[in-house]
Amino acid sequence: MADTYKQTYILKIKLGFADGDTRTINLDNPKSNLQASQVHELSQFIKTNNLLIGDKYGADSAGILYADIVESMKTTLDI
């Protein structure tokens, strides 16, 4: 059996809340052509509609603090 390789992409979104709390959401296989303007629009939508609330005190959403696509390669060796 030969070595196998698997490449993965994860979109990491860090959300902020009015009480200073943060949460990170990881989404597998994001769009490959995701634009910063789309992330900004999503952040504004989350903030304006208070779509997500903090889990400690129910604080209002401050939107997306940052978003990043992380690429990784997993190698399984045949030994």
PDB file of N, CA and C in Angstrom:
ATOM      1  N   MET A   1       0.845  -1.182   0.000  1.00  0.00           N
ATOM      2  CA  MET A   1       0.000   0.000   0.000  1.00  0.00           C
ATOM      3  C   MET A   1       0.889   1.245   0.000  1.00  0.00           C
ATOM      4  N   ALA A   2       0.501   2.233  -0.722  1.00  0.00           N
ATOM      5  CA  ALA A   2       1.286   3.468  -0.848  1.00  0.00           C
ATOM      6  C   ALA A   2       0.887   4.486   0.216  1.00  0.00           C
ATOM      7  N   ASP A   3       1.785   5.441   0.430  1.00  0.00           N
ATOM      8  CA  ASP A   3       1.472   6.543   1.329  1.00  0.00           C
ATOM      9  C   ASP A   3       0.270   7.299   0.773  1.00  0.00           C
ATOM     10  N   THR A   4      -0.552   7.856   1.670  1.00  0.00           N
ATOM     11  CA  THR A   4      -1.698   8.647   1.226  1.00  0.00           C
ATOM     12  C   THR A   4      -1.583  10.066   1.765  1.00  0.00           C
ATOM     13  N   TYR A   5      -2.089  10.992   0.994  1.00  0.00           N
ATOM     14  CA  TYR A   5      -2.046  12.408   1.341  1.00  0.00           C
ATOM     15  C   TYR A   5      -3.457  12.973   1.256  1.00  0.00           C
ATOM     16  N   LYS A   6      -3.805  13.787   2.230  1.00  0.00           N
ATOM     17  CA  LYS A   6      -5.122  14.423   2.218  1.00  0.00           C
ATOM     18  C   LYS A   6      -4.962  15.897   2.580  1.00  0.00           C
ATOM     19  N   GLN A   7      -5.378  16.760   1.668  1.00  0.00           N
ATOM     20  CA  GLN A   7      -5.297  18.200   1.892  1.00  0.00           C
ATOM     21  C   GLN A   7      -6.667  18.691   2.361  1.00  0.00           C
ATOM     22  N   THR A   8      -6.673  19.481   3.423  1.00  0.00           N
ATOM     23  CA  THR A   8      -7.933  20.012   3.944  1.00  0.00           C
ATOM     24  C   THR A   8      -7.847  21.529   4.082  1.00  0.00           C
ATOM     25  N   TYR A   9      -9.003  22.161   4.035  1.00  0.00           N
ATOM     26  CA  TYR A   9      -9.133  23.605   4.233  1.00  0.00           C
ATOM     27  C   TYR A   9     -10.198  23.832   5.295  1.00  0.00           C
ATOM     28  N   ILE A  10      -9.894  24.727   6.241  1.00  0.00           N
ATOM     29  CA  ILE A  10     -10.836  25.072   7.295  1.00  0.00           C
ATOM     30  C   ILE A  10     -10.919  26.595   7.374  1.00  0.00           C
ATOM     31  N   LEU A  11     -12.146  27.112   7.383  1.00  0.00           N
ATOM     32  CA  LEU A  11     -12.367  28.539   7.596  1.00  0.00           C
ATOM     33  C   LEU A  11     -12.559  28.745   9.091  1.00  0.00           C
ATOM     34  N   LYS A  12     -11.633  29.484   9.714  1.00  0.00           N
ATOM     35  CA  LYS A  12     -11.720  29.788  11.142  1.00  0.00           C
ATOM     36  C   LYS A  12     -12.263  31.207  11.282  1.00  0.00           C
ATOM     37  N   ILE A  13     -13.390  31.329  11.968  1.00  0.00           N
ATOM     38  CA  ILE A  13     -14.037  32.621  12.182  1.00  0.00           C
ATOM     39  C   ILE A  13     -14.046  32.900  13.681  1.00  0.00           C
ATOM     40  N   LYS A  14     -13.399  33.992  14.088  1.00  0.00           N
ATOM     41  CA  LYS A  14     -13.403  34.379  15.500  1.00  0.00           C
ATOM     42  C   LYS A  14     -14.432  35.487  15.685  1.00  0.00           C
ATOM     43  N   LEU A  15     -15.411  35.214  16.529  1.00  0.00           N
ATOM     44  CA  LEU A  15     -16.490  36.155  16.802  1.00  0.00           C
ATOM     45  C   LEU A  15     -16.235  36.875  18.117  1.00  0.00           C
ATOM     46  N   GLY A  16     -16.606  38.144  18.186  1.00  0.00           N
ATOM     47  CA  GLY A  16     -16.471  38.915  19.417  1.00  0.00           C
ATOM     48  C   GLY A  16     -17.837  39.283  19.962  1.00  0.00           C
ATOM     49  N   PHE A  17     -17.884  39.560  21.263  1.00  0.00           N
ATOM     50  CA  PHE A  17     -19.129  39.930  21.921  1.00  0.00           C
ATOM     51  C   PHE A  17     -18.892  41.166  22.780  1.00  0.00           C
ATOM     52  N   ALA A  18     -19.964  41.879  23.077  1.00  0.00           N
ATOM     53  CA  ALA A  18     -19.883  43.163  23.780  1.00  0.00           C
ATOM     54  C   ALA A  18     -19.227  43.043  25.152  1.00  0.00           C
ATOM     55  N   ASP A  19     -19.287  41.879  25.774  1.00  0.00           N
ATOM     56  CA  ASP A  19     -18.685  41.711  27.103  1.00  0.00           C
ATOM     57  C   ASP A  19     -17.216  41.280  27.038  1.00  0.00           C
ATOM     58  N   GLY A  20     -16.640  41.282  25.819  1.00  0.00           N
ATOM     59  CA  GLY A  20     -15.242  40.929  25.645  1.00  0.00           C
ATOM     60  C   GLY A  20     -15.004  39.447  25.394  1.00  0.00           C
ATOM     61  N   ASP A  21     -16.049  38.649  25.470  1.00  0.00           N
ATOM     62  CA  ASP A  21     -15.939  37.210  25.227  1.00  0.00           C
ATOM     63  C   ASP A  21     -15.708  36.963  23.735  1.00  0.00           C
ATOM     64  N   THR A  22     -15.120  35.827  23.414  1.00  0.00           N
ATOM     65  CA  THR A  22     -14.913  35.446  22.017  1.00  0.00           C
ATOM     66  C   THR A  22     -15.280  33.979  21.828  1.00  0.00           C
ATOM     67  N   ARG A  23     -15.595  33.620  20.603  1.00  0.00           N
ATOM     68  CA  ARG A  23     -15.855  32.240  20.212  1.00  0.00           C
ATOM     69  C   ARG A  23     -15.275  32.042  18.825  1.00  0.00           C
ATOM     70  N   THR A  24     -14.794  30.832  18.569  1.00  0.00           N
ATOM     71  CA  THR A  24     -14.268  30.506  17.252  1.00  0.00           C
ATOM     72  C   THR A  24     -15.120  29.412  16.629  1.00  0.00           C
ATOM     73  N   ILE A  25     -15.493  29.627  15.372  1.00  0.00           N
ATOM     74  CA  ILE A  25     -16.260  28.652  14.593  1.00  0.00           C
ATOM     75  C   ILE A  25     -15.335  28.138  13.496  1.00  0.00           C
ATOM     76  N   ASN A  26     -15.264  26.825  13.341  1.00  0.00           N
ATOM     77  CA  ASN A  26     -14.474  26.207  12.280  1.00  0.00           C
ATOM     78  C   ASN A  26     -15.410  25.569  11.265  1.00  0.00           C
ATOM     79  N   LEU A  27     -15.251  25.952  10.005  1.00  0.00           N
ATOM     80  CA  LEU A  27     -16.073  25.403   8.927  1.00  0.00           C
ATOM     81  C   LEU A  27     -15.179  24.688   7.929  1.00  0.00           C
ATOM     82  N   ASP A  28     -15.468  23.422   7.684  1.00  0.00           N
ATOM     83  CA  ASP A  28     -14.694  22.640   6.720  1.00  0.00           C
ATOM     84  C   ASP A  28     -15.048  23.020   5.290  1.00  0.00           C
ATOM     85  N   ASN A  29     -14.070  22.943   4.428  1.00  0.00           N
ATOM     86  CA  ASN A  29     -14.228  23.127   2.982  1.00  0.00           C
ATOM     87  C   ASN A  29     -14.953  24.411   2.593  1.00  0.00           C
ATOM     88  N   PRO A  30     -14.404  25.576   2.942  1.00  0.00           N
ATOM     89  CA  PRO A  30     -15.033  26.841   2.543  1.00  0.00           C
ATOM     90  C   PRO A  30     -14.872  27.084   1.039  1.00  0.00           C
ATOM     91  N   LYS A  31     -15.620  28.050   0.541  1.00  0.00           N
ATOM     92  CA  LYS A  31     -15.467  28.451  -0.852  1.00  0.00           C
ATOM     93  C   LYS A  31     -14.013  28.834  -1.108  1.00  0.00           C
ATOM     94  N   SER A  32     -13.498  28.415  -2.225  1.00  0.00           N
ATOM     95  CA  SER A  32     -12.094  28.721  -2.529  1.00  0.00           C
ATOM     96  C   SER A  32     -11.891  30.180  -2.941  1.00  0.00           C
ATOM     97  N   ASN A  33     -12.950  30.839  -3.368  1.00  0.00           N
ATOM     98  CA  ASN A  33     -12.827  32.232  -3.822  1.00  0.00           C
ATOM     99  C   ASN A  33     -13.502  33.209  -2.849  1.00  0.00           C
ATOM    100  N   LEU A  34     -13.486  32.887  -1.574  1.00  0.00           N
ATOM    101  CA  LEU A  34     -14.079  33.746  -0.551  1.00  0.00           C
ATOM    102  C   LEU A  34     -13.354  35.093  -0.510  1.00  0.00           C
ATOM    103  N   GLN A  35     -14.116  36.164  -0.514  1.00  0.00           N
ATOM    104  CA  GLN A  35     -13.560  37.517  -0.533  1.00  0.00           C
ATOM    105  C   GLN A  35     -13.692  38.190   0.829  1.00  0.00           C
ATOM    106  N   ALA A  36     -12.770  39.085   1.138  1.00  0.00           N
ATOM    107  CA  ALA A  36     -12.811  39.836   2.398  1.00  0.00           C
ATOM    108  C   ALA A  36     -14.107  40.630   2.514  1.00  0.00           C
ATOM    109  N   SER A  37     -14.604  41.142   1.396  1.00  0.00           N
ATOM    110  CA  SER A  37     -15.852  41.920   1.421  1.00  0.00           C
ATOM    111  C   SER A  37     -17.041  41.053   1.845  1.00  0.00           C
ATOM    112  N   GLN A  38     -17.020  39.775   1.478  1.00  0.00           N
ATOM    113  CA  GLN A  38     -18.086  38.868   1.878  1.00  0.00           C
ATOM    114  C   GLN A  38     -18.042  38.605   3.387  1.00  0.00           C
ATOM    115  N   VAL A  39     -16.841  38.466   3.929  1.00  0.00           N
ATOM    116  CA  VAL A  39     -16.689  38.274   5.372  1.00  0.00           C
ATOM    117  C   VAL A  39     -17.161  39.524   6.105  1.00  0.00           C
ATOM    118  N   HIS A  40     -16.829  40.702   5.569  1.00  0.00           N
ATOM    119  CA  HIS A  40     -17.267  41.963   6.181  1.00  0.00           C
ATOM    120  C   HIS A  40     -18.795  42.060   6.171  1.00  0.00           C
ATOM    121  N   GLU A  41     -19.419  41.698   5.065  1.00  0.00           N
ATOM    122  CA  GLU A  41     -20.886  41.725   4.981  1.00  0.00           C
ATOM    123  C   GLU A  41     -21.509  40.773   5.993  1.00  0.00           C
ATOM    124  N   LEU A  42     -20.931  39.578   6.133  1.00  0.00           N
ATOM    125  CA  LEU A  42     -21.433  38.614   7.113  1.00  0.00           C
ATOM    126  C   LEU A  42     -21.276  39.169   8.527  1.00  0.00           C
ATOM    127  N   SER A  43     -20.143  39.802   8.809  1.00  0.00           N
ATOM    128  CA  SER A  43     -19.911  40.392  10.122  1.00  0.00           C
ATOM    129  C   SER A  43     -20.967  41.454  10.435  1.00  0.00           C
ATOM    130  N   GLN A  44     -21.239  42.314   9.475  1.00  0.00           N
ATOM    131  CA  GLN A  44     -22.251  43.356   9.668  1.00  0.00           C
ATOM    132  C   GLN A  44     -23.633  42.758   9.882  1.00  0.00           C
ATOM    133  N   PHE A  45     -23.955  41.712   9.143  1.00  0.00           N
ATOM    134  CA  PHE A  45     -25.247  41.039   9.290  1.00  0.00           C
ATOM    135  C   PHE A  45     -25.388  40.436  10.685  1.00  0.00           C
ATOM    136  N   ILE A  46     -24.344  39.763  11.154  1.00  0.00           N
ATOM    137  CA  ILE A  46     -24.366  39.152  12.486  1.00  0.00           C
ATOM    138  C   ILE A  46     -24.537  40.227  13.556  1.00  0.00           C
ATOM    139  N   LYS A  47     -23.789  41.324  13.412  1.00  0.00           N
ATOM    140  CA  LYS A  47     -23.835  42.405  14.400  1.00  0.00           C
ATOM    141  C   LYS A  47     -25.173  43.142  14.379  1.00  0.00           C
ATOM    142  N   THR A  48     -25.635  43.520  13.205  1.00  0.00           N
ATOM    143  CA  THR A  48     -26.876  44.281  13.065  1.00  0.00           C
ATOM    144  C   THR A  48     -28.087  43.509  13.568  1.00  0.00           C
ATOM    145  N   ASN A  49     -28.144  42.228  13.257  1.00  0.00           N
ATOM    146  CA  ASN A  49     -29.298  41.402  13.625  1.00  0.00           C
ATOM    147  C   ASN A  49     -29.101  40.652  14.939  1.00  0.00           C
ATOM    148  N   ASN A  50     -27.968  40.906  15.608  1.00  0.00           N
ATOM    149  CA  ASN A  50     -27.631  40.222  16.853  1.00  0.00           C
ATOM    150  C   ASN A  50     -27.898  38.720  16.714  1.00  0.00           C
ATOM    151  N   LEU A  51     -27.397  38.185  15.621  1.00  0.00           N
ATOM    152  CA  LEU A  51     -27.642  36.797  15.247  1.00  0.00           C
ATOM    153  C   LEU A  51     -27.094  35.808  16.272  1.00  0.00           C
ATOM    154  N   LEU A  52     -25.959  36.131  16.872  1.00  0.00           N
ATOM    155  CA  LEU A  52     -25.347  35.279  17.883  1.00  0.00           C
ATOM    156  C   LEU A  52     -25.181  36.075  19.170  1.00  0.00           C
ATOM    157  N   ILE A  53     -25.388  35.424  20.309  1.00  0.00           N
ATOM    158  CA  ILE A  53     -25.207  36.111  21.586  1.00  0.00           C
ATOM    159  C   ILE A  53     -24.163  35.366  22.405  1.00  0.00           C
ATOM    160  N   GLY A  54     -23.529  36.073  23.320  1.00  0.00           N
ATOM    161  CA  GLY A  54     -22.516  35.466  24.181  1.00  0.00           C
ATOM    162  C   GLY A  54     -23.126  34.409  25.083  1.00  0.00           C
ATOM    163  N   ASP A  55     -22.363  33.378  25.393  1.00  0.00           N
ATOM    164  CA  ASP A  55     -22.908  32.296  26.202  1.00  0.00           C
ATOM    165  C   ASP A  55     -22.796  32.547  27.707  1.00  0.00           C
ATOM    166  N   LYS A  56     -21.957  33.480  28.122  1.00  0.00           N
ATOM    167  CA  LYS A  56     -21.793  33.726  29.550  1.00  0.00           C
ATOM    168  C   LYS A  56     -22.891  34.626  30.103  1.00  0.00           C
ATOM    169  N   TYR A  57     -23.092  35.775  29.466  1.00  0.00           N
ATOM    170  CA  TYR A  57     -24.047  36.758  29.976  1.00  0.00           C
ATOM    171  C   TYR A  57     -25.081  37.181  28.941  1.00  0.00           C
ATOM    172  N   GLY A  58     -25.135  36.484  27.813  1.00  0.00           N
ATOM    173  CA  GLY A  58     -26.087  36.841  26.759  1.00  0.00           C
ATOM    174  C   GLY A  58     -25.740  38.157  26.082  1.00  0.00           C
ATOM    175  N   ALA A  59     -24.455  38.489  26.026  1.00  0.00           N
ATOM    176  CA  ALA A  59     -24.003  39.766  25.469  1.00  0.00           C
ATOM    177  C   ALA A  59     -24.278  39.847  23.969  1.00  0.00           C
ATOM    178  N   ASP A  60     -24.480  41.057  23.489  1.00  0.00           N
ATOM    179  CA  ASP A  60     -24.686  41.297  22.062  1.00  0.00           C
ATOM    180  C   ASP A  60     -23.435  40.949  21.266  1.00  0.00           C
ATOM    181  N   SER A  61     -23.650  40.606  20.018  1.00  0.00           N
ATOM    182  CA  SER A  61     -22.552  40.272  19.122  1.00  0.00           C
ATOM    183  C   SER A  61     -21.833  41.532  18.664  1.00  0.00           C
ATOM    184  N   ALA A  62     -20.504  41.451  18.583  1.00  0.00           N
ATOM    185  CA  ALA A  62     -19.696  42.545  18.044  1.00  0.00           C
ATOM    186  C   ALA A  62     -19.245  42.222  16.625  1.00  0.00           C
ATOM    187  N   GLY A  63     -19.693  41.092  16.083  1.00  0.00           N
ATOM    188  CA  GLY A  63     -19.341  40.705  14.722  1.00  0.00           C
ATOM    189  C   GLY A  63     -18.097  39.832  14.675  1.00  0.00           C
ATOM    190  N   ILE A  64     -17.556  39.713  13.475  1.00  0.00           N
ATOM    191  CA  ILE A  64     -16.383  38.871  13.248  1.00  0.00           C
ATOM    192  C   ILE A  64     -15.130  39.684  13.540  1.00  0.00           C
ATOM    193  N   LEU A  65     -14.277  39.146  14.407  1.00  0.00           N
ATOM    194  CA  LEU A  65     -13.003  39.808  14.714  1.00  0.00           C
ATOM    195  C   LEU A  65     -11.970  39.488  13.637  1.00  0.00           C
ATOM    196  N   TYR A  66     -11.928  38.240  13.205  1.00  0.00           N
ATOM    197  CA  TYR A  66     -11.082  37.869  12.074  1.00  0.00           C
ATOM    198  C   TYR A  66     -11.557  36.547  11.492  1.00  0.00           C
ATOM    199  N   ALA A  67     -11.181  36.336  10.256  1.00  0.00           N
ATOM    200  CA  ALA A  67     -11.477  35.078   9.569  1.00  0.00           C
ATOM    201  C   ALA A  67     -10.247  34.696   8.762  1.00  0.00           C
ATOM    202  N   ASP A  68      -9.933  33.413   8.749  1.00  0.00           N
ATOM    203  CA  ASP A  68      -8.746  32.944   8.064  1.00  0.00           C
ATOM    204  C   ASP A  68      -8.993  31.535   7.540  1.00  0.00           C
ATOM    205  N   ILE A  69      -8.505  31.257   6.349  1.00  0.00           N
ATOM    206  CA  ILE A  69      -8.580  29.904   5.811  1.00  0.00           C
ATOM    207  C   ILE A  69      -7.259  29.219   6.108  1.00  0.00           C
ATOM    208  N   VAL A  70      -7.347  28.085   6.798  1.00  0.00           N
ATOM    209  CA  VAL A  70      -6.170  27.321   7.186  1.00  0.00           C
ATOM    210  C   VAL A  70      -6.101  26.076   6.310  1.00  0.00           C
ATOM    211  N   GLU A  71      -4.956  25.893   5.688  1.00  0.00           N
ATOM    212  CA  GLU A  71      -4.730  24.742   4.823  1.00  0.00           C
ATOM    213  C   GLU A  71      -3.808  23.773   5.549  1.00  0.00           C
ATOM    214  N   SER A  72      -4.138  22.490   5.488  1.00  0.00           N
ATOM    215  CA  SER A  72      -3.238  21.507   6.096  1.00  0.00           C
ATOM    216  C   SER A  72      -3.168  20.261   5.215  1.00  0.00           C
ATOM    217  N   MET A  73      -2.080  19.541   5.373  1.00  0.00           N
ATOM    218  CA  MET A  73      -1.861  18.323   4.624  1.00  0.00           C
ATOM    219  C   MET A  73      -1.614  17.197   5.618  1.00  0.00           C
ATOM    220  N   LYS A  74      -2.406  16.142   5.503  1.00  0.00           N
ATOM    221  CA  LYS A  74      -2.232  14.976   6.361  1.00  0.00           C
ATOM    222  C   LYS A  74      -1.599  13.860   5.539  1.00  0.00           C
ATOM    223  N   THR A  75      -0.522  13.327   6.048  1.00  0.00           N
ATOM    224  CA  THR A  75       0.182  12.236   5.360  1.00  0.00           C
ATOM    225  C   THR A  75       0.076  10.971   6.192  1.00  0.00           C
ATOM    226  N   THR A  76      -0.397   9.904   5.571  1.00  0.00           N
ATOM    227  CA  THR A  76      -0.432   8.608   6.225  1.00  0.00           C
ATOM    228  C   THR A  76       0.634   7.746   5.569  1.00  0.00           C
ATOM    229  N   LEU A  77       1.620   7.360   6.375  1.00  0.00           N
ATOM    230  CA  LEU A  77       2.743   6.610   5.839  1.00  0.00           C
ATOM    231  C   LEU A  77       2.444   5.096   5.843  1.00  0.00           C
ATOM    232  N   ASP A  78       2.836   4.450   4.786  1.00  0.00           N
ATOM    233  CA  ASP A  78       2.698   3.006   4.682  1.00  0.00           C
ATOM    234  C   ASP A  78       4.011   2.382   5.131  1.00  0.00           C
ATOM    235  N   ILE A  79       4.051   2.024   6.424  1.00  0.00           N
ATOM    236  CA  ILE A  79       5.296   1.417   6.934  1.00  0.00           C
ATOM    237  C   ILE A  79       5.031   0.076   7.574  1.00  0.00           C
TER     238      ILE A  79
END
